[in-house]
Amino acid sequence: MSDPKLVSQDAQTEHIGTAPHPMRNLLLLAGGVGLLGVMGLFYWQANSAEGASKVELDQFRQAMFTACKDEQFSGATRPEIASLYADSSRMRSVVQEQFGRIKSGKVDCDHITRSLRSVDFPLR
C-alpha cells in the first residue's frame, strides 16, 4: 500500500490560491503602456514648446543686435536663458511686445532694455 501523504507523479494536484486572471494582467499591461504614452507625449510637447520659444527668442535677440547694436544680444542664445524664457509667460509677453516695436520701426533701445529688466531678463 502506498502512503497517503505521498503524491504520485501521475496524479494531478489542485491549484492553491486564486485562479490566474489573464484579462486582468492584459488590462494592467495596457494601462501601463498607456501611462507611459501619456508621459512621453507630455515631455515631447514640453520640449517642442521650448524649442519654439527658443526660435522666438533668437529672432528677438538678432533684431536687438541689429537695431541697437548691443553686443550682449549677439551670438547664440545660452541654454539657461532659453530655459528661463520658455518658463516665464511674463517674460515672453514683454519680449513679444518689444519685438513688435522693433519690427514696426519704433526702436527706443533704452525703453526696451528697461522693459526687459522689469521682467528679470538676464542682461549683462
Protein backbone atom coordinates (compact mmCIF):
# COMPACT_ATOMS: atom_id res chain seq x y z
CA MET A 1 0.00 0.00 0.00
CA SER A 2 1.03 3.46 -0.63
CA ASP A 3 1.43 6.18 1.89
CA PRO A 4 -1.48 8.70 1.55
CA LYS A 5 0.89 11.56 2.30
CA LEU A 6 2.85 10.93 -0.88
CA VAL A 7 1.50 12.16 -4.14
CA SER A 8 2.23 10.11 -7.18
CA GLN A 9 3.83 11.78 -10.14
CA ASP A 10 0.87 10.98 -12.37
CA ALA A 11 -1.76 12.43 -10.08
CA GLN A 12 -2.95 15.98 -10.76
CA THR A 13 -2.73 18.39 -7.88
CA GLU A 14 -5.24 21.03 -7.08
CA HIS A 15 -4.12 24.63 -7.72
CA ILE A 16 -3.63 26.52 -4.49
CA GLY A 17 -4.65 30.19 -4.45
CA THR A 18 -6.80 32.17 -6.83
CA ALA A 19 -7.15 31.20 -10.44
CA PRO A 20 -4.93 33.05 -12.91
CA HIS A 21 -6.51 36.15 -14.47
CA PRO A 22 -5.11 36.71 -17.98
CA MET A 23 -7.60 39.50 -18.73
CA ARG A 24 -6.60 41.39 -15.58
CA ASN A 25 -2.95 41.05 -16.49
CA LEU A 26 -3.58 42.31 -20.03
CA LEU A 27 -5.52 45.29 -18.70
CA LEU A 28 -2.69 46.14 -16.29
CA LEU A 29 -0.18 45.91 -19.13
CA ALA A 30 -2.35 48.10 -21.39
CA GLY A 31 -2.77 50.64 -18.58
CA GLY A 32 1.00 50.77 -18.02
CA VAL A 33 1.69 51.24 -21.73
CA GLY A 34 -0.99 53.95 -21.89
CA LEU A 35 0.51 55.76 -18.91
CA LEU A 36 3.98 55.67 -20.48
CA GLY A 37 2.49 57.01 -23.72
CA VAL A 38 0.83 59.93 -21.94
CA MET A 39 4.06 60.76 -20.10
CA GLY A 40 6.04 60.59 -23.34
CA LEU A 41 3.54 62.85 -25.08
CA PHE A 42 3.73 65.37 -22.22
CA TYR A 43 7.53 65.54 -22.34
CA TRP A 44 7.57 65.69 -26.15
CA GLN A 45 5.07 68.57 -26.14
CA ALA A 46 7.01 70.45 -23.46
CA ASN A 47 10.23 70.02 -25.41
CA SER A 48 8.69 71.22 -28.69
CA ALA A 49 7.20 74.28 -26.97
CA GLU A 50 10.62 75.10 -25.52
CA GLY A 51 12.15 74.75 -28.99
CA ALA A 52 9.59 77.16 -30.47
CA SER A 53 10.20 79.71 -27.72
CA LYS A 54 13.97 79.46 -28.33
CA VAL A 55 13.46 80.31 -32.01
CA GLU A 56 11.32 83.29 -30.98
CA LEU A 57 13.98 84.45 -28.51
CA ASP A 58 16.73 84.03 -31.12
CA GLN A 59 14.78 86.23 -33.55
CA PHE A 60 14.33 88.92 -30.89
CA ARG A 61 18.00 88.83 -29.95
CA GLN A 62 19.01 89.18 -33.60
CA ALA A 63 16.63 92.13 -34.02
CA MET A 64 18.01 93.78 -30.87
CA PHE A 65 21.56 93.33 -32.09
CA THR A 66 20.68 94.78 -35.48
CA ALA A 67 18.58 97.69 -34.20
CA CYS A 68 20.50 98.68 -31.08
CA LYS A 69 23.99 97.39 -31.91
CA ASP A 70 24.13 95.87 -28.43
CA GLU A 71 26.83 93.19 -28.28
CA GLN A 72 25.13 91.27 -25.45
CA PHE A 73 22.46 90.19 -27.96
CA SER A 74 24.98 88.84 -30.47
CA GLY A 75 25.87 85.19 -30.84
CA ALA A 76 23.99 82.08 -29.81
CA THR A 77 21.45 82.14 -27.03
CA ARG A 78 22.74 80.50 -23.88
CA PRO A 79 20.67 77.44 -22.86
CA GLU A 80 19.93 78.80 -19.37
CA ILE A 81 18.45 81.99 -20.89
CA ALA A 82 16.34 79.97 -23.33
CA SER A 83 15.06 77.80 -20.49
CA LEU A 84 14.28 80.82 -18.31
CA TYR A 85 12.46 82.44 -21.26
CA ALA A 86 10.45 79.29 -22.00
CA ASP A 87 9.32 79.02 -18.37
CA SER A 88 8.20 82.66 -17.93
CA SER A 89 5.00 83.74 -19.65
CA ARG A 90 5.52 87.28 -18.36
CA MET A 91 8.96 87.50 -19.91
CA ARG A 92 7.68 86.08 -23.21
CA SER A 93 4.88 88.64 -23.40
CA VAL A 94 7.29 91.56 -22.78
CA VAL A 95 9.77 90.24 -25.35
CA GLN A 96 6.98 89.75 -27.90
CA GLU A 97 5.74 93.30 -27.28
CA GLN A 98 9.23 94.78 -27.65
CA PHE A 99 9.90 92.64 -30.72
CA GLY A 100 6.74 94.10 -32.25
CA ARG A 101 8.06 97.60 -31.56
CA ILE A 102 11.35 96.78 -33.26
CA LYS A 103 9.57 95.31 -36.30
CA SER A 104 7.34 98.39 -36.58
CA GLY A 105 10.40 100.66 -36.60
CA LYS A 106 9.69 102.26 -33.19
CA VAL A 107 13.07 101.45 -31.69
CA ASP A 108 13.90 103.03 -28.34
CA CYS A 109 16.76 100.88 -27.06
CA ASP A 110 16.69 102.36 -23.55
CA HIS A 111 12.95 101.71 -23.21
CA ILE A 112 13.36 98.14 -24.47
CA THR A 113 16.22 97.50 -22.03
CA ARG A 114 14.16 98.89 -19.11
CA SER A 115 11.22 96.70 -20.12
CA LEU A 116 13.45 93.64 -20.23
CA ARG A 117 14.90 94.41 -16.81
CA SER A 118 11.38 94.76 -15.38
CA VAL A 119 10.83 91.02 -16.02
CA ASP A 120 14.30 89.98 -14.87
CA PHE A 121 15.56 89.28 -18.37
CA PRO A 122 19.25 88.39 -17.92
CA LEU A 123 21.22 91.40 -19.17
CA ARG A 124 24.88 92.00 -18.52
